[in-house]
PDB file of N, CA and C in Angstrom:
ATOM      1  N   MET A   1       0.821  -1.020   0.498  1.00  0.00           N
ATOM      2  CA  MET A   1      -0.047   0.348   0.074  1.00  0.00           C
ATOM      3  C   MET A   1       0.440   1.083   0.216  1.00  0.00           C
ATOM      4  N   VAL A   2       0.840   1.926  -1.152  1.00  0.00           N
ATOM      5  CA  VAL A   2       1.315   3.606  -1.180  1.00  0.00           C
ATOM      6  C   VAL A   2       0.718   4.195   0.636  1.00  0.00           C
ATOM      7  N   HIS A   3       2.212   4.674   0.733  1.00  0.00           N
ATOM      8  CA  HIS A   3       1.934   5.907   1.801  1.00  0.00           C
ATOM      9  C   HIS A   3       0.947   7.704   1.506  1.00  0.00           C
ATOM     10  N   VAL A   4       0.084   7.794   1.966  1.00  0.00           N
ATOM     11  CA  VAL A   4      -0.666   9.110   1.259  1.00  0.00           C
ATOM     12  C   VAL A   4      -1.019  10.134   2.501  1.00  0.00           C
ATOM     13  N   SER A   5      -0.180  10.799   2.247  1.00  0.00           N
ATOM     14  CA  SER A   5      -0.289  12.095   3.021  1.00  0.00           C
ATOM     15  C   SER A   5      -1.791  12.569   3.610  1.00  0.00           C
ATOM     16  N   HIS A   6      -2.049  12.305   3.082  1.00  0.00           N
ATOM     17  CA  HIS A   6      -3.523  12.993   3.772  1.00  0.00           C
ATOM     18  C   HIS A   6      -5.101  11.707   3.038  1.00  0.00           C
ATOM     19  N   PRO A   7      -5.103  11.229   4.064  1.00  0.00           N
ATOM     20  CA  PRO A   7      -5.944   9.602   3.418  1.00  0.00           C
ATOM     21  C   PRO A   7      -7.815  10.713   3.435  1.00  0.00           C
ATOM     22  N   ALA A   8      -7.919  10.988   4.650  1.00  0.00           N
ATOM     23  CA  ALA A   8      -9.312  11.849   4.540  1.00  0.00           C
ATOM     24  C   ALA A   8      -9.302  12.526   3.730  1.00  0.00           C
ATOM     25  N   LEU A   9      -8.310  13.780   3.124  1.00  0.00           N
ATOM     26  CA  LEU A   9      -8.906  14.363   1.543  1.00  0.00           C
ATOM     27  C   LEU A   9      -9.273  13.422   0.326  1.00  0.00           C
ATOM     28  N   LEU A  10      -7.954  11.927   0.237  1.00  0.00           N
ATOM     29  CA  LEU A  10      -8.038  11.238  -0.874  1.00  0.00           C
ATOM     30  C   LEU A  10      -9.792  11.227  -1.208  1.00  0.00           C
ATOM     31  N   GLU A  11      -9.358  10.553   0.258  1.00  0.00           N
ATOM     32  CA  GLU A  11     -11.032   9.851   0.484  1.00  0.00           C
ATOM     33  C   GLU A  11     -11.870  10.601   0.169  1.00  0.00           C
ATOM     34  N   ALA A  12     -12.314  11.664   0.401  1.00  0.00           N
ATOM     35  CA  ALA A  12     -13.438  12.835  -0.165  1.00  0.00           C
ATOM     36  C   ALA A  12     -13.311  13.512  -1.611  1.00  0.00           C
ATOM     37  N   VAL A  13     -12.296  12.832  -2.514  1.00  0.00           N
ATOM     38  CA  VAL A  13     -12.372  13.265  -3.391  1.00  0.00           C
ATOM     39  C   VAL A  13     -12.398  12.139  -3.920  1.00  0.00           C
ATOM     40  N   LEU A  14     -12.214  10.656  -3.199  1.00  0.00           N
ATOM     41  CA  LEU A  14     -12.580   9.566  -4.503  1.00  0.00           C
ATOM     42  C   LEU A  14     -14.141   9.728  -4.326  1.00  0.00           C
ATOM     43  N   MET A  15     -14.580   9.854  -3.238  1.00  0.00           N
ATOM     44  CA  MET A  15     -15.672   9.707  -3.311  1.00  0.00           C
ATOM     45  C   MET A  15     -16.973  10.816  -4.188  1.00  0.00           C
ATOM     46  N   ALA A  16     -16.390  11.929  -4.001  1.00  0.00           N
ATOM     47  CA  ALA A  16     -16.940  12.881  -5.099  1.00  0.00           C
ATOM     48  C   ALA A  16     -16.785  12.766  -6.843  1.00  0.00           C
ATOM     49  N   ILE A  17     -16.197  12.105  -6.876  1.00  0.00           N
ATOM     50  CA  ILE A  17     -15.600  11.423  -8.097  1.00  0.00           C
ATOM     51  C   ILE A  17     -16.727  10.274  -8.376  1.00  0.00           C
ATOM     52  N   SER A  18     -17.010   9.348  -7.606  1.00  0.00           N
ATOM     53  CA  SER A  18     -17.638   8.007  -7.222  1.00  0.00           C
ATOM     54  C   SER A  18     -19.002   8.194  -7.335  1.00  0.00           C
ATOM     55  N   ILE A  19     -19.216   9.669  -6.439  1.00  0.00           N
ATOM     56  CA  ILE A  19     -21.077  10.239  -6.425  1.00  0.00           C
ATOM     57  C   ILE A  19     -20.985  10.076  -8.367  1.00  0.00           C
ATOM     58  N   HIS A  20     -20.760  11.113  -8.991  1.00  0.00           N
ATOM     59  CA  HIS A  20     -20.790  11.627  -9.892  1.00  0.00           C
ATOM     60  C   HIS A  20     -20.404  10.683 -11.016  1.00  0.00           C
ATOM     61  N   GLN A  21     -19.657   9.789 -10.896  1.00  0.00           N
ATOM     62  CA  GLN A  21     -20.093   8.554 -12.019  1.00  0.00           C
ATOM     63  C   GLN A  21     -20.573   7.938 -12.055  1.00  0.00           C
ATOM     64  N   ASN A  22     -21.176   8.141 -10.540  1.00  0.00           N
ATOM     65  CA  ASN A  22     -22.914   6.866 -10.550  1.00  0.00           C
ATOM     66  C   ASN A  22     -23.554   7.261 -11.320  1.00  0.00           C
ATOM     67  N   SER A  23     -23.976   8.921 -11.169  1.00  0.00           N
ATOM     68  CA  SER A  23     -25.297   9.093 -11.515  1.00  0.00           C
ATOM     69  C   SER A  23     -25.053   9.652 -13.215  1.00  0.00           C
ATOM     70  N   HIS A  24     -23.582  10.127 -14.116  1.00  0.00           N
ATOM     71  CA  HIS A  24     -23.288   9.774 -15.356  1.00  0.00           C
ATOM     72  C   HIS A  24     -22.519   8.816 -16.010  1.00  0.00           C
ATOM     73  N   ASP A  25     -22.326   8.050 -15.991  1.00  0.00           N
ATOM     74  CA  ASP A  25     -21.896   7.001 -16.312  1.00  0.00           C
ATOM     75  C   ASP A  25     -22.122   5.094 -16.246  1.00  0.00           C
ATOM     76  N   ASP A  26     -23.323   5.155 -17.185  1.00  0.00           N
ATOM     77  CA  ASP A  26     -23.989   3.424 -16.735  1.00  0.00           C
ATOM     78  C   ASP A  26     -23.468   2.541 -16.556  1.00  0.00           C
ATOM     79  N   ALA A  27     -22.332   2.682 -17.478  1.00  0.00           N
ATOM     80  CA  ALA A  27     -20.632   0.943 -17.270  1.00  0.00           C
ATOM     81  C   ALA A  27     -19.671   1.108 -15.956  1.00  0.00           C
ATOM     82  N   PHE A  28     -19.806   2.512 -15.051  1.00  0.00           N
ATOM     83  CA  PHE A  28     -19.444   2.753 -13.879  1.00  0.00           C
ATOM     84  C   PHE A  28     -20.599   2.179 -12.939  1.00  0.00           C
ATOM     85  N   LYS A  29     -21.828   2.633 -13.093  1.00  0.00           N
ATOM     86  CA  LYS A  29     -22.709   2.540 -12.366  1.00  0.00           C
ATOM     87  C   LYS A  29     -22.505   0.958 -12.177  1.00  0.00           C
ATOM     88  N   GLN A  30     -22.846   0.100 -13.017  1.00  0.00           N
ATOM     89  CA  GLN A  30     -22.908  -1.320 -13.060  1.00  0.00           C
ATOM     90  C   GLN A  30     -21.765  -1.758 -11.962  1.00  0.00           C
ATOM     91  N   PHE A  31     -20.274  -1.368 -12.351  1.00  0.00           N
ATOM     92  CA  PHE A  31     -19.211  -1.792 -12.147  1.00  0.00           C
ATOM     93  C   PHE A  31     -19.497  -1.689 -10.623  1.00  0.00           C
ATOM     94  N   SER A  32     -19.830  -0.123 -10.082  1.00  0.00           N
ATOM     95  CA  SER A  32     -20.166  -0.095  -8.581  1.00  0.00           C
ATOM     96  C   SER A  32     -20.721  -1.271  -8.535  1.00  0.00           C
ATOM     97  N   GLU A  33     -22.051  -0.879  -8.519  1.00  0.00           N
ATOM     98  CA  GLU A  33     -23.348  -1.679  -8.236  1.00  0.00           C
ATOM     99  C   GLU A  33     -24.244  -0.641  -7.711  1.00  0.00           C
ATOM    100  N   GLY A  34     -23.815   0.873  -8.016  1.00  0.00           N
ATOM    101  CA  GLY A  34     -24.512   1.674  -7.612  1.00  0.00           C
ATOM    102  C   GLY A  34     -24.153   2.536  -6.178  1.00  0.00           C
ATOM    103  N   ASN A  35     -23.380   1.701  -5.525  1.00  0.00           N
ATOM    104  CA  ASN A  35     -22.026   2.323  -4.581  1.00  0.00           C
ATOM    105  C   ASN A  35     -21.598   2.907  -4.564  1.00  0.00           C
ATOM    106  N   ASP A  36     -22.052   4.070  -3.999  1.00  0.00           N
ATOM    107  CA  ASP A  36     -20.916   4.739  -3.846  1.00  0.00           C
ATOM    108  C   ASP A  36     -19.219   4.784  -3.177  1.00  0.00           C
ATOM    109  N   GLU A  37     -19.854   4.010  -2.137  1.00  0.00           N
ATOM    110  CA  GLU A  37     -18.095   3.830  -1.263  1.00  0.00           C
ATOM    111  C   GLU A  37     -17.773   2.329  -2.340  1.00  0.00           C
ATOM    112  N   MET A  38     -18.375   1.888  -3.060  1.00  0.00           N
ATOM    113  CA  MET A  38     -17.805   0.673  -3.410  1.00  0.00           C
ATOM    114  C   MET A  38     -17.099   1.254  -4.432  1.00  0.00           C
ATOM    115  N   GLY A  39     -17.650   2.066  -5.488  1.00  0.00           N
ATOM    116  CA  GLY A  39     -16.914   3.143  -6.380  1.00  0.00           C
ATOM    117  C   GLY A  39     -15.747   3.624  -5.928  1.00  0.00           C
ATOM    118  N   ALA A  40     -15.514   4.212  -4.920  1.00  0.00           N
ATOM    119  CA  ALA A  40     -14.425   5.559  -4.295  1.00  0.00           C
ATOM    120  C   ALA A  40     -13.181   4.517  -4.093  1.00  0.00           C
ATOM    121  N   MET A  41     -13.775   3.185  -3.826  1.00  0.00           N
ATOM    122  CA  MET A  41     -12.830   2.032  -3.668  1.00  0.00           C
ATOM    123  C   MET A  41     -11.853   1.428  -4.569  1.00  0.00           C
ATOM    124  N   LEU A  42     -13.079   1.616  -5.816  1.00  0.00           N
ATOM    125  CA  LEU A  42     -12.627   0.753  -7.091  1.00  0.00           C
ATOM    126  C   LEU A  42     -11.814   1.841  -7.504  1.00  0.00           C
ATOM    127  N   LEU A  43     -12.106   2.987  -7.451  1.00  0.00           N
ATOM    128  CA  LEU A  43     -10.684   3.961  -8.835  1.00  0.00           C
ATOM    129  C   LEU A  43     -10.097   4.474  -7.765  1.00  0.00           C
ATOM    130  N   LYS A  44      -9.749   3.946  -6.544  1.00  0.00           N
ATOM    131  CA  LYS A  44      -8.835   3.690  -5.879  1.00  0.00           C
ATOM    132  C   LYS A  44      -7.187   2.992  -6.182  1.00  0.00           C
ATOM    133  N   ASP A  45      -7.993   1.944  -7.382  1.00  0.00           N
ATOM    134  CA  ASP A  45      -7.420   0.566  -7.371  1.00  0.00           C
ATOM    135  C   ASP A  45      -7.050   1.501  -9.157  1.00  0.00           C
ATOM    136  N   MET A  46      -8.133   2.140  -9.996  1.00  0.00           N
ATOM    137  CA  MET A  46      -8.144   2.152 -11.254  1.00  0.00           C
ATOM    138  C   MET A  46      -6.519   3.657 -11.944  1.00  0.00           C
ATOM    139  N   GLY A  47      -6.827   4.218 -10.849  1.00  0.00           N
ATOM    140  CA  GLY A  47      -6.143   5.835 -11.026  1.00  0.00           C
ATOM    141  C   GLY A  47      -4.680   6.397 -10.391  1.00  0.00           C
ATOM    142  N   LYS A  48      -4.509   7.327 -10.245  1.00  0.00           N
ATOM    143  CA  LYS A  48      -3.212   7.242 -10.235  1.00  0.00           C
ATOM    144  C   LYS A  48      -3.521   8.574  -9.413  1.00  0.00           C
ATOM    145  N   LEU A  49      -2.827   8.960  -8.030  1.00  0.00           N
ATOM    146  CA  LEU A  49      -2.708   9.804  -7.098  1.00  0.00           C
ATOM    147  C   LEU A  49      -1.625  10.619  -7.763  1.00  0.00           C
ATOM    148  N   MET A  50      -1.577  12.016  -8.239  1.00  0.00           N
ATOM    149  CA  MET A  50      -0.678  12.672  -9.173  1.00  0.00           C
ATOM    150  C   MET A  50      -0.039  14.103  -8.071  1.00  0.00           C
ATOM    151  N   VAL A  51      -0.616  14.871  -7.640  1.00  0.00           N
ATOM    152  CA  VAL A  51      -0.034  15.596  -6.138  1.00  0.00           C
ATOM    153  C   VAL A  51      -0.795  15.048  -5.089  1.00  0.00           C
ATOM    154  N   ASP A  52       0.467  14.908  -3.829  1.00  0.00           N
ATOM    155  CA  ASP A  52       0.044  14.812  -2.503  1.00  0.00           C
ATOM    156  C   ASP A  52       1.032  15.147  -1.996  1.00  0.00           C
ATOM    157  N   LEU A  53       0.104  16.417  -0.927  1.00  0.00           N
ATOM    158  CA  LEU A  53      -0.086  17.191  -0.519  1.00  0.00           C
ATOM    159  C   LEU A  53      -0.942  17.229   1.116  1.00  0.00           C
ATOM    160  N   PRO A  54       0.293  17.760   2.288  1.00  0.00           N
ATOM    161  CA  PRO A  54      -0.734  17.699   3.305  1.00  0.00           C
ATOM    162  C   PRO A  54      -1.812  18.915   3.061  1.00  0.00           C
ATOM    163  N   HIS A  55      -2.034  20.035   1.959  1.00  0.00           N
ATOM    164  CA  HIS A  55      -2.902  21.135   1.683  1.00  0.00           C
ATOM    165  C   HIS A  55      -3.602  20.753   0.310  1.00  0.00           C
ATOM    166  N   LYS A  56      -3.523  19.649  -0.699  1.00  0.00           N
ATOM    167  CA  LYS A  56      -4.101  19.538  -1.785  1.00  0.00           C
ATOM    168  C   LYS A  56      -3.972  17.266  -2.125  1.00  0.00           C
ATOM    169  N   VAL A  57      -4.736  17.434  -2.941  1.00  0.00           N
ATOM    170  CA  VAL A  57      -4.574  16.315  -3.553  1.00  0.00           C
ATOM    171  C   VAL A  57      -4.824  16.345  -5.372  1.00  0.00           C
ATOM    172  N   LYS A  58      -4.460  15.600  -5.628  1.00  0.00           N
ATOM    173  CA  LYS A  58      -5.009  15.129  -7.402  1.00  0.00           C
ATOM    174  C   LYS A  58      -5.038  14.643  -7.441  1.00  0.00           C
ATOM    175  N   PHE A  59      -5.864  13.414  -8.026  1.00  0.00           N
ATOM    176  CA  PHE A  59      -5.547  12.342  -8.643  1.00  0.00           C
ATOM    177  C   PHE A  59      -6.452  11.792  -9.829  1.00  0.00           C
ATOM    178  N   GLN A  60      -5.362  11.180 -10.715  1.00  0.00           N
ATOM    179  CA  GLN A  60      -6.693  11.050 -11.946  1.00  0.00           C
ATOM    180  C   GLN A  60      -6.985   9.470 -12.409  1.00  0.00           C
ATOM    181  N   VAL A  61      -7.865   8.917 -13.241  1.00  0.00           N
ATOM    182  CA  VAL A  61      -8.382   8.013 -13.423  1.00  0.00           C
ATOM    183  C   VAL A  61      -8.913   8.749 -15.273  1.00  0.00           C
ATOM    184  N   ARG A  62      -8.580   7.394 -15.892  1.00  0.00           N
ATOM    185  CA  ARG A  62      -8.447   7.942 -16.977  1.00  0.00           C
ATOM    186  C   ARG A  62      -8.445   9.514 -17.727  1.00  0.00           C
ATOM    187  N   HIS A  63      -9.986   9.791 -18.153  1.00  0.00           N
ATOM    188  CA  HIS A  63      -9.840  11.286 -18.210  1.00  0.00           C
ATOM    189  C   HIS A  63     -10.490  12.458 -17.326  1.00  0.00           C
ATOM    190  N   ILE A  64     -10.533  11.522 -15.740  1.00  0.00           N
ATOM    191  CA  ILE A  64     -11.255  12.123 -15.129  1.00  0.00           C
ATOM    192  C   ILE A  64      -9.892  12.398 -13.978  1.00  0.00           C
ATOM    193  N   ILE A  65      -9.702  14.106 -13.459  1.00  0.00           N
ATOM    194  CA  ILE A  65      -8.756  14.355 -12.422  1.00  0.00           C
ATOM    195  C   ILE A  65      -9.835  14.612 -11.532  1.00  0.00           C
ATOM    196  N   GLY A  66      -9.703  14.319 -10.237  1.00  0.00           N
ATOM    197  CA  GLY A  66      -9.796  15.087  -9.433  1.00  0.00           C
ATOM    198  C   GLY A  66      -9.151  16.138  -8.196  1.00  0.00           C
ATOM    199  N   TYR A  67      -9.212  17.228  -7.766  1.00  0.00           N
ATOM    200  CA  TYR A  67      -8.520  17.901  -6.826  1.00  0.00           C
ATOM    201  C   TYR A  67      -9.159  18.122  -5.424  1.00  0.00           C
ATOM    202  N   GLY A  68      -8.801  17.950  -4.707  1.00  0.00           N
ATOM    203  CA  GLY A  68      -9.201  17.943  -3.238  1.00  0.00           C
ATOM    204  C   GLY A  68      -8.176  19.441  -2.775  1.00  0.00           C
ATOM    205  N   TYR A  69      -8.848  20.098  -1.661  1.00  0.00           N
ATOM    206  CA  TYR A  69      -7.819  20.579  -0.751  1.00  0.00           C
ATOM    207  C   TYR A  69      -8.737  21.053   0.527  1.00  0.00           C
ATOM    208  N   ASP A  70      -7.636  21.015   1.526  1.00  0.00           N
ATOM    209  CA  ASP A  70      -7.955  20.543   3.047  1.00  0.00           C
ATOM    210  C   ASP A  70      -7.960  22.204   3.823  1.00  0.00           C
ATOM    211  N   PHE A  71      -9.373  22.934   3.745  1.00  0.00           N
ATOM    212  CA  PHE A  71      -8.938  24.048   4.308  1.00  0.00           C
ATOM    213  C   PHE A  71      -8.241  24.304   5.898  1.00  0.00           C
ATOM    214  N   ASN A  72      -8.055  23.531   6.747  1.00  0.00           N
ATOM    215  CA  ASN A  72      -7.568  23.961   7.906  1.00  0.00           C
ATOM    216  C   ASN A  72      -5.990  23.955   7.355  1.00  0.00           C
ATOM    217  N   LYS A  73      -5.236  23.827   6.290  1.00  0.00           N
ATOM    218  CA  LYS A  73      -3.823  23.762   6.039  1.00  0.00           C
ATOM    219  C   LYS A  73      -3.495  24.894   5.097  1.00  0.00           C
ATOM    220  N   ALA A  74      -2.114  25.067   5.140  1.00  0.00           N
ATOM    221  CA  ALA A  74      -2.249  25.981   4.299  1.00  0.00           C
ATOM    222  C   ALA A  74      -0.756  25.376   3.071  1.00  0.00           C
ATOM    223  N   ASP A  75      -0.481  25.988   2.444  1.00  0.00           N
ATOM    224  CA  ASP A  75       0.754  25.327   1.553  1.00  0.00           C
ATOM    225  C   ASP A  75       2.094  26.563   1.780  1.00  0.00           C
ATOM    226  N   ASP A  76       3.244  25.695   1.075  1.00  0.00           N
ATOM    227  CA  ASP A  76       4.539  26.442   2.300  1.00  0.00           C
ATOM    228  C   ASP A  76       4.604  27.898   2.408  1.00  0.00           C
ATOM    229  N   GLN A  77       4.146  28.334   1.416  1.00  0.00           N
ATOM    230  CA  GLN A  77       4.045  30.160   1.366  1.00  0.00           C
ATOM    231  C   GLN A  77       3.371  30.421   2.408  1.00  0.00           C
ATOM    232  N   GLY A  78       2.553  29.807   3.243  1.00  0.00           N
ATOM    233  CA  GLY A  78       1.401  29.687   3.770  1.00  0.00           C
ATOM    234  C   GLY A  78       0.521  30.331   3.604  1.00  0.00           C
ATOM    235  N   VAL A  79      -0.284  29.930   2.046  1.00  0.00           N
ATOM    236  CA  VAL A  79      -1.828  30.721   1.722  1.00  0.00           C
ATOM    237  C   VAL A  79      -2.204  29.732   2.273  1.00  0.00           C
ATOM    238  N   TYR A  80      -3.094  29.791   2.617  1.00  0.00           N
ATOM    239  CA  TYR A  80      -4.488  28.514   3.118  1.00  0.00           C
ATOM    240  C   TYR A  80      -5.154  28.292   1.699  1.00  0.00           C
ATOM    241  N   ALA A  81      -5.605  26.957   2.284  1.00  0.00           N
ATOM    242  CA  ALA A  81      -6.111  25.784   1.093  1.00  0.00           C
ATOM    243  C   ALA A  81      -7.517  26.331  -0.039  1.00  0.00           C
ATOM    244  N   LYS A  82      -8.477  27.238   1.209  1.00  0.00           N
ATOM    245  CA  LYS A  82      -9.510  28.056   1.098  1.00  0.00           C
ATOM    246  C   LYS A  82      -9.230  28.924  -0.506  1.00  0.00           C
ATOM    247  N   GLU A  83      -8.425  29.275   0.077  1.00  0.00           N
ATOM    248  CA  GLU A  83      -8.251  30.881  -0.970  1.00  0.00           C
ATOM    249  C   GLU A  83      -7.386  30.273  -2.324  1.00  0.00           C
ATOM    250  N   LEU A  84      -6.660  29.078  -2.202  1.00  0.00           N
ATOM    251  CA  LEU A  84      -5.930  28.595  -3.723  1.00  0.00           C
ATOM    252  C   LEU A  84      -7.008  27.649  -3.831  1.00  0.00           C
ATOM    253  N   TYR A  85      -7.730  26.787  -3.171  1.00  0.00           N
ATOM    254  CA  TYR A  85      -9.587  25.858  -3.544  1.00  0.00           C
ATOM    255  C   TYR A  85     -10.114  27.467  -4.807  1.00  0.00           C
ATOM    256  N   ASP A  86     -10.279  28.318  -3.952  1.00  0.00           N
ATOM    257  CA  ASP A  86     -11.360  29.176  -4.570  1.00  0.00           C
ATOM    258  C   ASP A  86     -10.165  29.781  -6.128  1.00  0.00           C
ATOM    259  N   LYS A  87      -9.224  29.906  -6.099  1.00  0.00           N
ATOM    260  CA  LYS A  87      -8.319  30.963  -6.893  1.00  0.00           C
ATOM    261  C   LYS A  87      -8.315  29.420  -8.430  1.00  0.00           C
ATOM    262  N   ALA A  88      -8.565  28.541  -7.426  1.00  0.00           N
ATOM    263  CA  ALA A  88      -8.823  26.958  -8.818  1.00  0.00           C
ATOM    264  C   ALA A  88     -10.075  27.182  -9.337  1.00  0.00           C
ATOM    265  N   ILE A  89     -10.745  27.244  -8.661  1.00  0.00           N
ATOM    266  CA  ILE A  89     -11.776  27.304  -9.341  1.00  0.00           C
ATOM    267  C   ILE A  89     -12.469  28.275 -10.360  1.00  0.00           C
ATOM    268  N   GLU A  90     -11.890  29.301  -9.643  1.00  0.00           N
ATOM    269  CA  GLU A  90     -12.165  30.885 -10.543  1.00  0.00           C
ATOM    270  C   GLU A  90     -11.329  30.282 -11.809  1.00  0.00           C
ATOM    271  N   ASN A  91     -10.154  29.820 -11.777  1.00  0.00           N
ATOM    272  CA  ASN A  91      -9.361  29.592 -12.792  1.00  0.00           C
ATOM    273  C   ASN A  91     -10.166  28.603 -14.084  1.00  0.00           C
ATOM    274  N   THR A  92     -10.019  27.369 -13.307  1.00  0.00           N
ATOM    275  CA  THR A  92     -11.328  26.218 -14.390  1.00  0.00           C
ATOM    276  C   THR A  92     -12.241  26.694 -14.867  1.00  0.00           C
ATOM    277  N   LYS A  93     -13.044  27.671 -14.426  1.00  0.00           N
ATOM    278  CA  LYS A  93     -14.457  27.618 -14.788  1.00  0.00           C
ATOM    279  C   LYS A  93     -13.954  28.821 -16.326  1.00  0.00           C
ATOM    280  N   LYS A  94     -13.336  30.026 -16.214  1.00  0.00           N
ATOM    281  CA  LYS A  94     -12.577  31.037 -17.131  1.00  0.00           C
ATOM    282  C   LYS A  94     -12.067  30.258 -17.900  1.00  0.00           C
ATOM    283  N   PHE A  95     -10.980  29.259 -17.881  1.00  0.00           N
ATOM    284  CA  PHE A  95     -10.601  28.440 -19.141  1.00  0.00           C
ATOM    285  C   PHE A  95     -11.552  26.926 -19.637  1.00  0.00           C
ATOM    286  N   SER A  96     -12.756  26.933 -19.278  1.00  0.00           N
ATOM    287  CA  SER A  96     -13.054  25.323 -19.212  1.00  0.00           C
ATOM    288  C   SER A  96     -14.173  25.563 -20.429  1.00  0.00           C
ATOM    289  N   GLY A  97     -14.474  26.358 -21.333  1.00  0.00           N
ATOM    290  CA  GLY A  97     -15.188  26.422 -22.628  1.00  0.00           C
ATOM    291  C   GLY A  97     -13.729  26.238 -23.522  1.00  0.00           C
ATOM    292  N   ASN A  98     -12.835  26.181 -23.134  1.00  0.00           N
ATOM    293  CA  ASN A  98     -11.499  26.203 -23.786  1.00  0.00           C
ATOM    294  C   ASN A  98     -11.425  24.652 -24.492  1.00  0.00           C
ATOM    295  N   PRO A  99     -11.509  24.295 -25.572  1.00  0.00           N
ATOM    296  CA  PRO A  99     -11.101  23.018 -25.700  1.00  0.00           C
ATOM    297  C   PRO A  99      -9.510  21.927 -25.557  1.00  0.00           C
ATOM    298  N   ASN A 100      -8.415  23.235 -25.331  1.00  0.00           N
ATOM    299  CA  ASN A 100      -6.985  23.022 -24.927  1.00  0.00           C
ATOM    300  C   ASN A 100      -7.119  22.722 -23.772  1.00  0.00           C
ATOM    301  N   PHE A 101      -8.099  22.509 -23.097  1.00  0.00           N
ATOM    302  CA  PHE A 101      -8.028  22.781 -21.056  1.00  0.00           C
ATOM    303  C   PHE A 101      -8.884  21.605 -19.922  1.00  0.00           C
ATOM    304  N   GLU A 102      -8.386  21.901 -18.956  1.00  0.00           N
ATOM    305  CA  GLU A 102      -9.472  20.918 -18.438  1.00  0.00           C
ATOM    306  C   GLU A 102     -11.255  21.534 -18.519  1.00  0.00           C
ATOM    307  N   GLN A 103     -12.677  20.983 -18.334  1.00  0.00           N
ATOM    308  CA  GLN A 103     -13.744  21.184 -18.295  1.00  0.00           C
ATOM    309  C   GLN A 103     -14.069  20.830 -17.024  1.00  0.00           C
ATOM    310  N   LEU A 104     -14.361  21.803 -16.314  1.00  0.00           N
ATOM    311  CA  LEU A 104     -15.494  21.451 -15.348  1.00  0.00           C
ATOM    312  C   LEU A 104     -16.072  20.691 -14.931  1.00  0.00           C
ATOM    313  N   ILE A 105     -16.564  20.073 -14.521  1.00  0.00           N
ATOM    314  CA  ILE A 105     -17.851  19.018 -14.781  1.00  0.00           C
ATOM    315  C   ILE A 105     -18.451  19.103 -13.074  1.00  0.00           C
ATOM    316  N   ALA A 106     -17.964  19.035 -12.445  1.00  0.00           N
ATOM    317  CA  ALA A 106     -18.583  19.313 -11.106  1.00  0.00           C
ATOM    318  C   ALA A 106     -17.355  19.924  -9.570  1.00  0.00           C
ATOM    319  N   GLN A 107     -18.209  20.579  -8.520  1.00  0.00           N
ATOM    320  CA  GLN A 107     -17.579  20.788  -7.759  1.00  0.00           C
ATOM    321  C   GLN A 107     -17.929  20.633  -6.088  1.00  0.00           C
ATOM    322  N   GLY A 108     -17.732  20.938  -5.176  1.00  0.00           N
ATOM    323  CA  GLY A 108     -18.305  21.355  -3.623  1.00  0.00           C
ATOM    324  C   GLY A 108     -17.520  21.035  -2.483  1.00  0.00           C
ATOM    325  N   ILE A 109     -17.839  21.065  -1.277  1.00  0.00           N
ATOM    326  CA  ILE A 109     -17.023  21.099  -0.018  1.00  0.00           C
ATOM    327  C   ILE A 109     -17.936  19.784   0.733  1.00  0.00           C
ATOM    328  N   THR A 110     -16.975  19.118   1.562  1.00  0.00           N
ATOM    329  CA  THR A 110     -17.179  17.411   1.842  1.00  0.00           C
ATOM    330  C   THR A 110     -17.009  18.979   3.539  1.00  0.00           C
ATOM    331  N   GLU A 111     -17.621  18.250   4.148  1.00  0.00           N
ATOM    332  CA  GLU A 111     -17.764  18.364   5.757  1.00  0.00           C
ATOM    333  C   GLU A 111     -17.239  19.793   6.631  1.00  0.00           C
ATOM    334  N   ASP A 112     -17.374  20.819   5.050  1.00  0.00           N
ATOM    335  CA  ASP A 112     -16.957  22.546   5.660  1.00  0.00           C
ATOM    336  C   ASP A 112     -15.809  22.368   5.600  1.00  0.00           C
ATOM    337  N   ARG A 113     -15.208  21.423   5.415  1.00  0.00           N
ATOM    338  CA  ARG A 113     -13.207  21.070   5.376  1.00  0.00           C
ATOM    339  C   ARG A 113     -12.830  21.153   3.891  1.00  0.00           C
ATOM    340  N   PHE A 114     -13.380  20.503   3.364  1.00  0.00           N
ATOM    341  CA  PHE A 114     -12.495  19.480   1.966  1.00  0.00           C
ATOM    342  C   PHE A 114     -13.386  20.437   1.158  1.00  0.00           C
ATOM    343  N   GLY A 115     -12.650  21.020   0.211  1.00  0.00           N
ATOM    344  CA  GLY A 115     -13.343  21.637  -1.421  1.00  0.00           C
ATOM    345  C   GLY A 115     -12.634  20.465  -2.683  1.00  0.00           C
ATOM    346  N   TRP A 116     -13.487  20.446  -3.021  1.00  0.00           N
ATOM    347  CA  TRP A 116     -13.026  19.533  -4.068  1.00  0.00           C
ATOM    348  C   TRP A 116     -13.858  19.963  -5.365  1.00  0.00           C
ATOM    349  N   TYR A 117     -12.952  19.939  -6.415  1.00  0.00           N
ATOM    350  CA  TYR A 117     -13.824  19.618  -7.601  1.00  0.00           C
ATOM    351  C   TYR A 117     -13.331  18.888  -8.939  1.00  0.00           C
ATOM    352  N   ILE A 118     -14.187  18.665  -9.980  1.00  0.00           N
ATOM    353  CA  ILE A 118     -13.773  17.295 -10.850  1.00  0.00           C
ATOM    354  C   ILE A 118     -13.646  17.810 -11.951  1.00  0.00           C
ATOM    355  N   THR A 119     -12.568  17.311 -12.941  1.00  0.00           N
ATOM    356  CA  THR A 119     -12.365  17.685 -14.322  1.00  0.00           C
ATOM    357  C   THR A 119     -12.344  16.852 -15.433  1.00  0.00           C
ATOM    358  N   GLN A 120     -12.595  16.962 -16.562  1.00  0.00           N
ATOM    359  CA  GLN A 120     -12.232  16.138 -17.614  1.00  0.00           C
ATOM    360  C   GLN A 120     -11.181  16.531 -18.945  1.00  0.00           C
ATOM    361  N   VAL A 121     -11.095  15.388 -19.238  1.00  0.00           N
ATOM    362  CA  VAL A 121      -9.569  15.950 -20.226  1.00  0.00           C
ATOM    363  C   VAL A 121     -10.100  15.517 -21.595  1.00  0.00           C
TER     364      VAL A 121
END
């Protein structure tokens, strides 16, 4: 098992992707039996953790990328993750219509602590 700096943040992102995929992808829904928890476990094995920091994770599975930010933490420069999340959402929305950029497909906040968003490439 690979060490993850912030397992709870990764789980929040995986759950968000699973919920989205179960409601938008019939093949994934059949594979996960429509169970979001099972879907999150399957995604963990299907994808790759691209960024693993105490305040941020990035997880990719095929053409879907999930980002997560822990609002209780800051980056190395002292910028709080909530500010980083808000800026990332703003930029992703700004460029989402351009075919050369990731397309924002979902966003949200879990437990008033974890900001996440999902893009498609």
